[in-house]
């Protein structure tokens, strides 16, 4: 099975592109969705997080809002949270890959390069749009301020660098253009698999 890492900065159209890969028959695993499952009531992260950060648990689930407050006040918290969550996310991904039946598995990981996850991929595809369009898309959602958006972007590798390090780049300016590029990436990978 071919492991295709899918990455891109906030507001670039990664989730929409992941859906297009799924619609084209690829198995798609979403890192953010995995974290949501782990944090939900009964999720594998709840007990270890309760032990490390009792105030982060609300109604039997991990509260992301409470975690943000903890991280803001405790400089060691993020490293401790990652030490709990990253191995659980890796296990979730391994379970997904073991049961996937498609010849191409798309692994949707926002911080793929930042976490070194690209090393485990057969190829990487990055979604991209101009910076101004990215800012407009994110702020139009109404879920964050410009300052919050800038803070998130500051933590992410610059889009130009992500694109330069990727095997494929999909420009998500229009849905039709993005879908055509998704199909081209799949065609190219299937061609490589045939000649492997």
N, C-alpha and C. Protein backbone atom coordinates (compact mmCIF):
# COMPACT_ATOMS: atom_id res chain seq x y z
N UNK A 1 0.84 -1.19 0.00
CA UNK A 1 0.00 0.00 0.00
C UNK A 1 0.88 1.25 0.00
N UNK A 2 0.55 2.19 -0.86
CA UNK A 2 1.30 3.44 -0.99
C UNK A 2 0.82 4.42 0.08
N UNK A 3 1.75 4.98 0.86
CA UNK A 3 1.41 5.93 1.92
C UNK A 3 1.67 7.35 1.42
N UNK A 4 0.58 8.10 1.19
CA UNK A 4 0.67 9.47 0.69
C UNK A 4 0.33 10.43 1.81
N UNK A 5 1.32 11.21 2.25
CA UNK A 5 1.07 12.21 3.27
C UNK A 5 0.39 13.42 2.65
N UNK A 6 -0.67 13.91 3.29
CA UNK A 6 -1.39 15.10 2.82
C UNK A 6 -1.22 16.18 3.87
N UNK A 7 -0.66 17.31 3.47
CA UNK A 7 -0.45 18.39 4.43
C UNK A 7 -0.76 19.73 3.79
N UNK A 8 -0.69 20.77 4.61
CA UNK A 8 -0.99 22.12 4.15
C UNK A 8 -1.35 22.96 5.35
N UNK A 9 -1.10 24.22 5.25
CA UNK A 9 -1.37 25.12 6.38
C UNK A 9 -2.86 25.39 6.52
N UNK A 10 -3.22 25.99 7.64
CA UNK A 10 -4.62 26.29 7.95
C UNK A 10 -5.28 27.08 6.81
N UNK A 11 -6.53 26.69 6.45
CA UNK A 11 -7.30 27.42 5.45
C UNK A 11 -6.90 27.17 4.01
N UNK A 12 -6.02 26.20 3.78
CA UNK A 12 -5.53 25.94 2.41
C UNK A 12 -6.45 24.99 1.62
N UNK A 13 -7.39 24.34 2.31
CA UNK A 13 -8.30 23.44 1.61
C UNK A 13 -7.95 21.97 1.77
N UNK A 14 -7.25 21.64 2.85
CA UNK A 14 -6.80 20.27 3.05
C UNK A 14 -7.94 19.30 3.29
N UNK A 15 -8.90 19.69 4.13
CA UNK A 15 -10.03 18.80 4.42
C UNK A 15 -10.85 18.50 3.17
N UNK A 16 -11.09 19.53 2.37
CA UNK A 16 -11.84 19.35 1.11
C UNK A 16 -11.07 18.45 0.16
N UNK A 17 -9.75 18.63 0.09
CA UNK A 17 -8.91 17.81 -0.78
C UNK A 17 -8.89 16.36 -0.30
N UNK A 18 -8.85 16.17 1.02
CA UNK A 18 -8.88 14.80 1.58
C UNK A 18 -10.17 14.09 1.16
N UNK A 19 -11.30 14.83 1.20
CA UNK A 19 -12.59 14.24 0.77
C UNK A 19 -12.53 13.83 -0.70
N UNK A 20 -11.86 14.64 -1.52
CA UNK A 20 -11.74 14.31 -2.95
C UNK A 20 -10.94 13.02 -3.14
N UNK A 21 -9.86 12.85 -2.37
CA UNK A 21 -9.10 11.60 -2.45
C UNK A 21 -9.98 10.42 -2.06
N UNK A 22 -10.79 10.58 -1.01
CA UNK A 22 -11.70 9.51 -0.57
C UNK A 22 -12.71 9.20 -1.67
N UNK A 23 -13.26 10.24 -2.29
CA UNK A 23 -14.24 10.05 -3.37
C UNK A 23 -13.64 9.34 -4.57
N UNK A 24 -12.31 9.45 -4.73
CA UNK A 24 -11.62 8.78 -5.84
C UNK A 24 -11.16 7.36 -5.46
N UNK A 25 -11.57 6.90 -4.27
CA UNK A 25 -11.29 5.51 -3.88
C UNK A 25 -10.09 5.28 -2.98
N UNK A 26 -9.45 6.35 -2.52
CA UNK A 26 -8.32 6.21 -1.60
C UNK A 26 -8.83 6.05 -0.17
N UNK A 27 -8.09 5.29 0.64
CA UNK A 27 -8.38 5.22 2.07
C UNK A 27 -7.79 6.49 2.69
N UNK A 28 -8.56 7.19 3.52
CA UNK A 28 -8.08 8.45 4.09
C UNK A 28 -8.15 8.40 5.61
N UNK A 29 -7.01 8.71 6.24
CA UNK A 29 -6.93 8.81 7.70
C UNK A 29 -6.65 10.26 8.07
N UNK A 30 -7.39 10.77 9.05
CA UNK A 30 -7.31 12.18 9.44
C UNK A 30 -6.76 12.28 10.86
N UNK A 31 -5.58 12.89 11.01
CA UNK A 31 -4.93 13.01 12.33
C UNK A 31 -5.81 13.79 13.32
N UNK A 32 -6.43 14.88 12.86
CA UNK A 32 -7.28 15.67 13.76
C UNK A 32 -8.48 14.86 14.25
N UNK A 33 -9.08 14.09 13.35
CA UNK A 33 -10.23 13.25 13.72
C UNK A 33 -9.79 12.18 14.73
N UNK A 34 -8.58 11.66 14.56
CA UNK A 34 -8.05 10.67 15.51
C UNK A 34 -7.94 11.28 16.90
N UNK A 35 -7.42 12.51 16.98
CA UNK A 35 -7.30 13.18 18.28
C UNK A 35 -8.69 13.38 18.90
N UNK A 36 -9.68 13.77 18.08
CA UNK A 36 -11.05 13.94 18.59
C UNK A 36 -11.56 12.62 19.18
N UNK A 37 -11.31 11.49 18.49
CA UNK A 37 -11.74 10.18 19.01
C UNK A 37 -11.05 9.86 20.33
N UNK A 38 -9.76 10.17 20.41
CA UNK A 38 -8.98 9.87 21.63
C UNK A 38 -9.44 10.73 22.81
N UNK A 39 -9.87 11.96 22.53
CA UNK A 39 -10.30 12.89 23.58
C UNK A 39 -11.76 12.70 23.99
N UNK A 40 -12.55 12.03 23.16
CA UNK A 40 -13.98 11.86 23.44
C UNK A 40 -14.20 10.95 24.64
N UNK A 41 -15.39 10.99 25.20
CA UNK A 41 -15.74 10.14 26.33
C UNK A 41 -15.44 8.68 25.96
N UNK A 42 -14.68 8.01 26.81
CA UNK A 42 -14.31 6.63 26.52
C UNK A 42 -13.08 6.50 25.64
N UNK A 43 -12.53 7.64 25.17
CA UNK A 43 -11.35 7.62 24.30
C UNK A 43 -10.10 7.23 25.07
N UNK A 44 -9.12 6.70 24.36
CA UNK A 44 -7.90 6.17 24.98
C UNK A 44 -7.06 7.23 25.68
N UNK A 45 -7.24 8.50 25.33
CA UNK A 45 -6.42 9.55 25.96
C UNK A 45 -7.03 10.07 27.26
N UNK A 46 -8.29 9.77 27.52
CA UNK A 46 -8.97 10.37 28.67
C UNK A 46 -8.30 9.99 30.00
N UNK A 47 -8.07 8.71 30.25
CA UNK A 47 -7.49 8.29 31.54
C UNK A 47 -6.08 8.85 31.76
N UNK A 48 -5.15 8.70 30.79
CA UNK A 48 -3.82 9.27 31.04
C UNK A 48 -3.82 10.80 31.15
N UNK A 49 -4.71 11.46 30.44
CA UNK A 49 -4.79 12.92 30.54
C UNK A 49 -5.37 13.32 31.89
N UNK A 50 -6.33 12.53 32.39
CA UNK A 50 -6.93 12.84 33.70
C UNK A 50 -5.87 12.73 34.79
N UNK A 51 -5.00 11.74 34.65
CA UNK A 51 -3.93 11.56 35.63
C UNK A 51 -2.95 12.74 35.59
N UNK A 52 -2.59 13.18 34.38
CA UNK A 52 -1.60 14.26 34.23
C UNK A 52 -2.21 15.65 34.44
N UNK A 53 -3.43 15.84 33.96
CA UNK A 53 -4.09 17.16 34.01
C UNK A 53 -5.55 16.99 34.42
N UNK A 54 -5.82 16.77 35.71
CA UNK A 54 -7.21 16.52 36.16
C UNK A 54 -8.20 17.59 35.74
N UNK A 55 -7.75 18.86 35.66
CA UNK A 55 -8.68 19.95 35.31
C UNK A 55 -9.04 19.97 33.82
N UNK A 56 -8.37 19.14 33.02
CA UNK A 56 -8.65 19.11 31.58
C UNK A 56 -9.84 18.21 31.23
N UNK A 57 -10.36 17.48 32.21
CA UNK A 57 -11.45 16.54 31.94
C UNK A 57 -12.79 17.16 32.33
N UNK A 58 -13.71 17.17 31.36
CA UNK A 58 -15.07 17.66 31.61
C UNK A 58 -16.05 16.66 31.04
N UNK A 59 -16.99 16.22 31.87
CA UNK A 59 -18.03 15.25 31.46
C UNK A 59 -17.42 13.99 30.84
N UNK A 60 -16.30 13.55 31.40
CA UNK A 60 -15.69 12.30 30.96
C UNK A 60 -14.89 12.39 29.67
N UNK A 61 -14.66 13.61 29.19
CA UNK A 61 -13.91 13.80 27.95
C UNK A 61 -12.82 14.86 28.19
N UNK A 62 -11.82 14.88 27.30
CA UNK A 62 -10.77 15.89 27.40
C UNK A 62 -11.31 17.18 26.77
N UNK A 63 -11.23 18.26 27.52
CA UNK A 63 -11.69 19.56 27.03
C UNK A 63 -10.54 20.29 26.36
N UNK A 64 -10.68 20.58 25.07
CA UNK A 64 -9.63 21.32 24.35
C UNK A 64 -9.49 22.74 24.91
N UNK A 65 -10.60 23.33 25.31
CA UNK A 65 -10.55 24.69 25.88
C UNK A 65 -9.74 24.68 27.18
N UNK A 66 -9.97 23.68 28.01
CA UNK A 66 -9.22 23.57 29.27
C UNK A 66 -7.73 23.33 28.98
N UNK A 67 -7.44 22.50 27.96
CA UNK A 67 -6.04 22.25 27.60
C UNK A 67 -5.35 23.54 27.16
N UNK A 68 -6.06 24.36 26.37
CA UNK A 68 -5.48 25.64 25.92
C UNK A 68 -5.10 26.51 27.11
N UNK A 69 -5.97 26.54 28.14
CA UNK A 69 -5.69 27.33 29.34
C UNK A 69 -4.48 26.77 30.08
N UNK A 70 -4.40 25.46 30.17
CA UNK A 70 -3.28 24.80 30.86
C UNK A 70 -1.97 25.12 30.12
N UNK A 71 -1.99 24.99 28.79
CA UNK A 71 -0.79 25.26 27.99
C UNK A 71 -0.35 26.72 28.13
N UNK A 72 -1.34 27.63 28.22
CA UNK A 72 -1.03 29.06 28.34
C UNK A 72 -0.34 29.39 29.67
N UNK A 73 -0.61 28.61 30.72
CA UNK A 73 -0.06 28.92 32.04
C UNK A 73 1.11 28.02 32.46
N UNK A 74 1.26 26.87 31.79
CA UNK A 74 2.31 25.92 32.17
C UNK A 74 3.22 25.64 30.97
N UNK A 75 4.47 26.16 31.00
CA UNK A 75 5.37 26.00 29.85
C UNK A 75 5.75 24.55 29.55
N UNK A 76 5.56 23.64 30.52
CA UNK A 76 5.91 22.23 30.28
C UNK A 76 4.72 21.40 29.79
N UNK A 77 3.53 21.99 29.82
CA UNK A 77 2.31 21.23 29.54
C UNK A 77 2.27 20.64 28.13
N UNK A 78 2.61 21.43 27.12
CA UNK A 78 2.50 20.95 25.74
C UNK A 78 3.34 19.70 25.51
N UNK A 79 4.57 19.71 26.00
CA UNK A 79 5.45 18.56 25.85
C UNK A 79 4.86 17.33 26.53
N UNK A 80 4.27 17.52 27.71
CA UNK A 80 3.67 16.41 28.45
C UNK A 80 2.42 15.89 27.74
N UNK A 81 1.63 16.81 27.19
CA UNK A 81 0.43 16.40 26.44
C UNK A 81 0.84 15.59 25.21
N UNK A 82 1.82 16.11 24.47
CA UNK A 82 2.29 15.41 23.26
C UNK A 82 2.82 14.02 23.58
N UNK A 83 3.49 13.88 24.74
CA UNK A 83 4.04 12.57 25.14
C UNK A 83 2.92 11.56 25.38
N UNK A 84 1.75 12.03 25.79
CA UNK A 84 0.59 11.15 25.99
C UNK A 84 -0.10 10.88 24.66
N UNK A 85 -0.35 11.95 23.89
CA UNK A 85 -1.21 11.84 22.71
C UNK A 85 -0.51 11.26 21.48
N UNK A 86 0.74 11.64 21.21
CA UNK A 86 1.39 11.19 19.98
C UNK A 86 1.46 9.67 19.83
N UNK A 87 1.84 8.91 20.89
CA UNK A 87 1.85 7.45 20.73
C UNK A 87 0.45 6.87 20.46
N UNK A 88 -0.58 7.48 21.05
CA UNK A 88 -1.96 7.02 20.84
C UNK A 88 -2.41 7.30 19.40
N UNK A 89 -2.01 8.46 18.88
CA UNK A 89 -2.33 8.81 17.49
C UNK A 89 -1.62 7.84 16.54
N UNK A 90 -0.36 7.53 16.84
CA UNK A 90 0.41 6.59 16.01
C UNK A 90 -0.26 5.21 16.00
N UNK A 91 -0.78 4.80 17.15
CA UNK A 91 -1.48 3.50 17.24
C UNK A 91 -2.77 3.53 16.42
N UNK A 92 -3.50 4.65 16.49
CA UNK A 92 -4.74 4.81 15.72
C UNK A 92 -4.42 4.70 14.22
N UNK A 93 -3.34 5.34 13.80
CA UNK A 93 -2.94 5.31 12.38
C UNK A 93 -2.54 3.89 11.96
N UNK A 94 -1.80 3.20 12.82
CA UNK A 94 -1.37 1.83 12.50
C UNK A 94 -2.58 0.90 12.36
N UNK A 95 -3.55 1.06 13.24
CA UNK A 95 -4.77 0.26 13.18
C UNK A 95 -5.52 0.53 11.87
N UNK A 96 -5.60 1.81 11.49
CA UNK A 96 -6.25 2.19 10.23
C UNK A 96 -5.53 1.54 9.04
N UNK A 97 -4.21 1.66 9.00
CA UNK A 97 -3.44 1.12 7.88
C UNK A 97 -3.55 -0.39 7.78
N UNK A 98 -3.64 -1.06 8.94
CA UNK A 98 -3.74 -2.52 8.95
C UNK A 98 -5.06 -2.99 8.35
N UNK A 99 -6.10 -2.15 8.45
CA UNK A 99 -7.42 -2.56 7.95
C UNK A 99 -7.79 -1.94 6.60
N UNK A 100 -6.99 -0.97 6.12
CA UNK A 100 -7.30 -0.31 4.84
C UNK A 100 -7.08 -1.26 3.67
N UNK A 101 -7.96 -1.20 2.68
CA UNK A 101 -7.88 -2.11 1.54
C UNK A 101 -7.52 -1.42 0.22
N UNK A 102 -7.47 -0.10 0.22
CA UNK A 102 -7.13 0.64 -1.00
C UNK A 102 -5.64 0.51 -1.30
N UNK A 103 -5.25 0.69 -2.57
CA UNK A 103 -3.81 0.63 -2.89
C UNK A 103 -3.10 1.93 -2.53
N UNK A 104 -3.87 3.00 -2.26
CA UNK A 104 -3.29 4.27 -1.83
C UNK A 104 -3.97 4.69 -0.52
N UNK A 105 -3.15 4.89 0.52
CA UNK A 105 -3.66 5.41 1.79
C UNK A 105 -3.19 6.85 1.92
N UNK A 106 -4.15 7.77 2.09
CA UNK A 106 -3.84 9.18 2.26
C UNK A 106 -3.88 9.49 3.75
N UNK A 107 -2.77 10.00 4.27
CA UNK A 107 -2.66 10.30 5.70
C UNK A 107 -2.66 11.82 5.86
N UNK A 108 -3.81 12.35 6.28
CA UNK A 108 -4.05 13.79 6.42
C UNK A 108 -3.45 14.25 7.75
N UNK A 109 -2.27 14.88 7.69
CA UNK A 109 -1.54 15.28 8.89
C UNK A 109 -1.11 16.74 8.74
N UNK A 110 -1.81 17.67 9.43
CA UNK A 110 -1.51 19.10 9.27
C UNK A 110 -0.04 19.45 9.51
N UNK A 111 0.56 18.90 10.57
CA UNK A 111 1.94 19.24 10.91
C UNK A 111 2.91 18.12 10.49
N UNK A 112 2.71 17.60 9.31
CA UNK A 112 3.51 16.46 8.81
C UNK A 112 5.00 16.76 8.82
N UNK A 113 5.41 17.87 8.23
CA UNK A 113 6.83 18.22 8.18
C UNK A 113 7.34 18.64 9.56
N UNK A 114 6.50 19.41 10.27
CA UNK A 114 6.92 19.93 11.58
C UNK A 114 7.22 18.80 12.57
N UNK A 115 6.53 17.66 12.44
CA UNK A 115 6.72 16.54 13.37
C UNK A 115 7.64 15.46 12.81
N UNK A 116 8.16 15.67 11.58
CA UNK A 116 9.04 14.68 10.97
C UNK A 116 8.30 13.48 10.40
N UNK A 117 6.97 13.56 10.32
CA UNK A 117 6.16 12.46 9.82
C UNK A 117 6.36 12.16 8.34
N UNK A 118 6.92 13.13 7.61
CA UNK A 118 7.14 12.92 6.17
C UNK A 118 8.10 11.77 5.91
N UNK A 119 8.97 11.46 6.88
CA UNK A 119 9.95 10.38 6.70
C UNK A 119 9.28 9.01 6.54
N UNK A 120 8.07 8.87 7.07
CA UNK A 120 7.35 7.59 7.01
C UNK A 120 6.46 7.47 5.77
N UNK A 121 6.47 8.49 4.91
CA UNK A 121 5.59 8.51 3.74
C UNK A 121 6.34 8.08 2.47
N UNK A 122 5.58 7.51 1.51
CA UNK A 122 6.16 7.19 0.21
C UNK A 122 6.23 8.45 -0.65
N UNK A 123 5.32 9.38 -0.41
CA UNK A 123 5.30 10.68 -1.09
C UNK A 123 4.45 11.63 -0.26
N UNK A 124 4.61 12.92 -0.52
CA UNK A 124 3.84 13.94 0.19
C UNK A 124 3.17 14.86 -0.82
N UNK A 125 1.89 15.17 -0.57
CA UNK A 125 1.17 16.15 -1.37
C UNK A 125 0.80 17.31 -0.45
N UNK A 126 1.05 18.53 -0.92
CA UNK A 126 0.74 19.73 -0.14
C UNK A 126 -0.32 20.55 -0.87
N UNK A 127 -1.33 21.01 -0.13
CA UNK A 127 -2.33 21.89 -0.73
C UNK A 127 -1.87 23.33 -0.52
N UNK A 128 -2.16 24.19 -1.49
CA UNK A 128 -1.66 25.56 -1.41
C UNK A 128 -2.58 26.55 -2.12
N UNK A 129 -2.60 27.75 -1.59
CA UNK A 129 -3.25 28.92 -2.21
C UNK A 129 -2.43 30.14 -1.79
N UNK A 130 -2.59 31.27 -2.47
CA UNK A 130 -1.86 32.47 -2.07
C UNK A 130 -2.20 32.89 -0.64
N UNK A 131 -1.24 33.52 0.04
CA UNK A 131 -1.41 33.92 1.44
C UNK A 131 -2.67 34.74 1.69
N UNK A 132 -2.96 35.69 0.81
CA UNK A 132 -4.13 36.55 0.99
C UNK A 132 -5.43 35.77 0.95
N UNK A 133 -5.51 34.78 0.07
CA UNK A 133 -6.72 33.94 -0.03
C UNK A 133 -6.84 33.09 1.24
N UNK A 134 -5.71 32.58 1.71
CA UNK A 134 -5.70 31.78 2.94
C UNK A 134 -6.27 32.61 4.10
N UNK A 135 -5.76 33.82 4.29
CA UNK A 135 -6.21 34.69 5.38
C UNK A 135 -7.72 34.96 5.26
N UNK A 136 -8.18 35.28 4.04
CA UNK A 136 -9.60 35.58 3.83
C UNK A 136 -10.46 34.36 4.16
N UNK A 137 -10.04 33.16 3.72
CA UNK A 137 -10.82 31.94 3.98
C UNK A 137 -10.96 31.68 5.48
N UNK A 138 -9.83 31.78 6.18
CA UNK A 138 -9.84 31.46 7.62
C UNK A 138 -10.68 32.47 8.39
N UNK A 139 -10.49 33.76 8.11
CA UNK A 139 -11.22 34.79 8.85
C UNK A 139 -12.71 34.78 8.51
N UNK A 140 -13.05 34.33 7.28
CA UNK A 140 -14.45 34.26 6.88
C UNK A 140 -15.22 33.20 7.68
N UNK A 141 -14.50 32.22 8.23
CA UNK A 141 -15.16 31.18 9.05
C UNK A 141 -15.75 31.77 10.32
N UNK A 142 -15.16 32.89 10.78
CA UNK A 142 -15.66 33.54 12.00
C UNK A 142 -15.32 32.79 13.27
N UNK A 143 -14.33 31.88 13.22
CA UNK A 143 -14.00 31.09 14.40
C UNK A 143 -12.74 31.58 15.11
N UNK A 144 -12.04 32.55 14.52
CA UNK A 144 -10.84 33.08 15.18
C UNK A 144 -10.56 34.50 14.74
N UNK A 145 -9.78 35.18 15.57
CA UNK A 145 -9.38 36.55 15.28
C UNK A 145 -8.14 36.54 14.39
N UNK A 146 -7.79 37.72 13.85
CA UNK A 146 -6.57 37.82 13.04
C UNK A 146 -5.35 37.46 13.88
N UNK A 147 -5.35 37.86 15.15
CA UNK A 147 -4.21 37.57 16.03
C UNK A 147 -4.07 36.05 16.23
N UNK A 148 -5.20 35.36 16.41
CA UNK A 148 -5.15 33.89 16.58
C UNK A 148 -4.65 33.21 15.30
N UNK A 149 -5.14 33.72 14.16
CA UNK A 149 -4.70 33.18 12.87
C UNK A 149 -3.19 33.36 12.71
N UNK A 150 -2.70 34.56 13.02
CA UNK A 150 -1.26 34.84 12.90
C UNK A 150 -0.44 33.95 13.83
N UNK A 151 -0.97 33.68 15.03
CA UNK A 151 -0.27 32.82 15.99
C UNK A 151 -0.17 31.39 15.46
N UNK A 152 -1.25 30.90 14.86
CA UNK A 152 -1.24 29.54 14.29
C UNK A 152 -0.24 29.48 13.13
N UNK A 153 -0.31 30.48 12.26
CA UNK A 153 0.63 30.50 11.11
C UNK A 153 2.08 30.55 11.56
N UNK A 154 2.33 31.24 12.66
CA UNK A 154 3.70 31.35 13.17
C UNK A 154 4.26 30.00 13.61
N UNK A 155 3.37 29.09 14.04
CA UNK A 155 3.79 27.76 14.50
C UNK A 155 3.99 26.79 13.33
N UNK A 156 3.41 27.12 12.18
CA UNK A 156 3.47 26.23 11.02
C UNK A 156 4.63 26.62 10.11
N UNK A 157 5.21 25.60 9.49
CA UNK A 157 6.27 25.84 8.51
C UNK A 157 5.67 26.70 7.38
N UNK A 158 6.41 27.67 6.84
CA UNK A 158 5.86 28.49 5.75
C UNK A 158 5.39 27.62 4.58
N UNK A 159 4.26 28.02 3.99
CA UNK A 159 3.65 27.23 2.91
C UNK A 159 4.63 27.01 1.76
N UNK A 160 5.42 28.03 1.43
CA UNK A 160 6.39 27.87 0.32
C UNK A 160 7.37 26.74 0.61
N UNK A 161 7.81 26.65 1.86
CA UNK A 161 8.76 25.60 2.24
C UNK A 161 8.08 24.22 2.19
N UNK A 162 6.83 24.15 2.66
CA UNK A 162 6.09 22.88 2.60
C UNK A 162 5.97 22.43 1.14
N UNK A 163 5.61 23.35 0.28
CA UNK A 163 5.45 23.02 -1.15
C UNK A 163 6.77 22.54 -1.74
N UNK A 164 7.86 23.23 -1.40
CA UNK A 164 9.17 22.88 -1.94
C UNK A 164 9.60 21.48 -1.51
N UNK A 165 9.20 21.07 -0.31
CA UNK A 165 9.58 19.76 0.22
C UNK A 165 8.63 18.64 -0.21
N UNK A 166 7.52 18.99 -0.85
CA UNK A 166 6.51 17.99 -1.23
C UNK A 166 6.77 17.43 -2.62
N UNK A 167 6.27 16.21 -2.85
CA UNK A 167 6.39 15.57 -4.16
C UNK A 167 5.33 16.10 -5.12
N UNK A 168 4.18 16.49 -4.56
CA UNK A 168 3.07 17.02 -5.36
C UNK A 168 2.52 18.26 -4.66
N UNK A 169 2.03 19.21 -5.45
CA UNK A 169 1.36 20.39 -4.91
C UNK A 169 0.00 20.51 -5.60
N UNK A 170 -1.05 20.67 -4.81
CA UNK A 170 -2.40 20.86 -5.36
C UNK A 170 -2.85 22.27 -5.02
N UNK A 171 -3.11 23.07 -6.04
CA UNK A 171 -3.59 24.43 -5.86
C UNK A 171 -5.11 24.37 -5.72
N UNK A 172 -5.62 24.84 -4.58
CA UNK A 172 -7.05 24.70 -4.28
C UNK A 172 -7.83 25.98 -4.56
N UNK A 173 -7.54 26.60 -5.71
CA UNK A 173 -8.23 27.85 -6.06
C UNK A 173 -9.70 27.62 -6.40
N UNK A 174 -10.01 26.51 -7.09
CA UNK A 174 -11.42 26.16 -7.36
C UNK A 174 -11.57 24.66 -7.13
N UNK A 175 -12.79 24.21 -6.78
CA UNK A 175 -13.00 22.78 -6.57
C UNK A 175 -12.68 21.94 -7.82
N UNK A 176 -13.08 22.41 -9.00
CA UNK A 176 -12.83 21.64 -10.22
C UNK A 176 -11.33 21.49 -10.49
N UNK A 177 -10.58 22.58 -10.30
CA UNK A 177 -9.14 22.53 -10.52
C UNK A 177 -8.48 21.58 -9.51
N UNK A 178 -8.91 21.68 -8.24
CA UNK A 178 -8.35 20.80 -7.20
C UNK A 178 -8.64 19.34 -7.53
N UNK A 179 -9.88 19.03 -7.93
CA UNK A 179 -10.25 17.64 -8.24
C UNK A 179 -9.41 17.11 -9.41
N UNK A 180 -9.20 17.91 -10.43
CA UNK A 180 -8.40 17.49 -11.58
C UNK A 180 -6.97 17.15 -11.13
N UNK A 181 -6.43 17.95 -10.22
CA UNK A 181 -5.08 17.70 -9.72
C UNK A 181 -5.04 16.45 -8.84
N UNK A 182 -6.07 16.23 -8.03
CA UNK A 182 -6.16 15.01 -7.20
C UNK A 182 -6.12 13.79 -8.12
N UNK A 183 -6.91 13.82 -9.19
CA UNK A 183 -6.95 12.69 -10.13
C UNK A 183 -5.59 12.47 -10.78
N UNK A 184 -4.90 13.56 -11.09
CA UNK A 184 -3.58 13.47 -11.71
C UNK A 184 -2.56 12.85 -10.75
N UNK A 185 -2.62 13.23 -9.48
CA UNK A 185 -1.72 12.66 -8.46
C UNK A 185 -1.98 11.15 -8.35
N UNK A 186 -3.25 10.76 -8.27
CA UNK A 186 -3.59 9.33 -8.16
C UNK A 186 -3.11 8.58 -9.40
N UNK A 187 -3.33 9.16 -10.58
CA UNK A 187 -2.90 8.52 -11.81
C UNK A 187 -1.38 8.32 -11.81
N UNK A 188 -0.66 9.34 -11.38
CA UNK A 188 0.80 9.27 -11.34
C UNK A 188 1.28 8.18 -10.36
N UNK A 189 0.67 8.13 -9.18
CA UNK A 189 1.05 7.12 -8.18
C UNK A 189 0.74 5.72 -8.69
N UNK A 190 -0.43 5.54 -9.30
CA UNK A 190 -0.80 4.20 -9.81
C UNK A 190 0.15 3.76 -10.92
N UNK A 191 0.59 4.74 -11.72
CA UNK A 191 1.57 4.45 -12.77
C UNK A 191 2.89 3.97 -12.13
N UNK A 192 3.32 4.66 -11.08
CA UNK A 192 4.56 4.27 -10.38
C UNK A 192 4.41 2.89 -9.74
N UNK A 193 3.22 2.61 -9.17
CA UNK A 193 2.99 1.30 -8.53
C UNK A 193 3.04 0.19 -9.58
N UNK A 194 2.54 0.48 -10.78
CA UNK A 194 2.56 -0.53 -11.85
C UNK A 194 3.99 -0.88 -12.27
N UNK A 195 4.87 0.10 -12.19
CA UNK A 195 6.25 -0.11 -12.62
C UNK A 195 7.22 -0.40 -11.48
N UNK A 196 6.66 -0.57 -10.27
CA UNK A 196 7.52 -0.82 -9.10
C UNK A 196 8.02 -2.26 -9.08
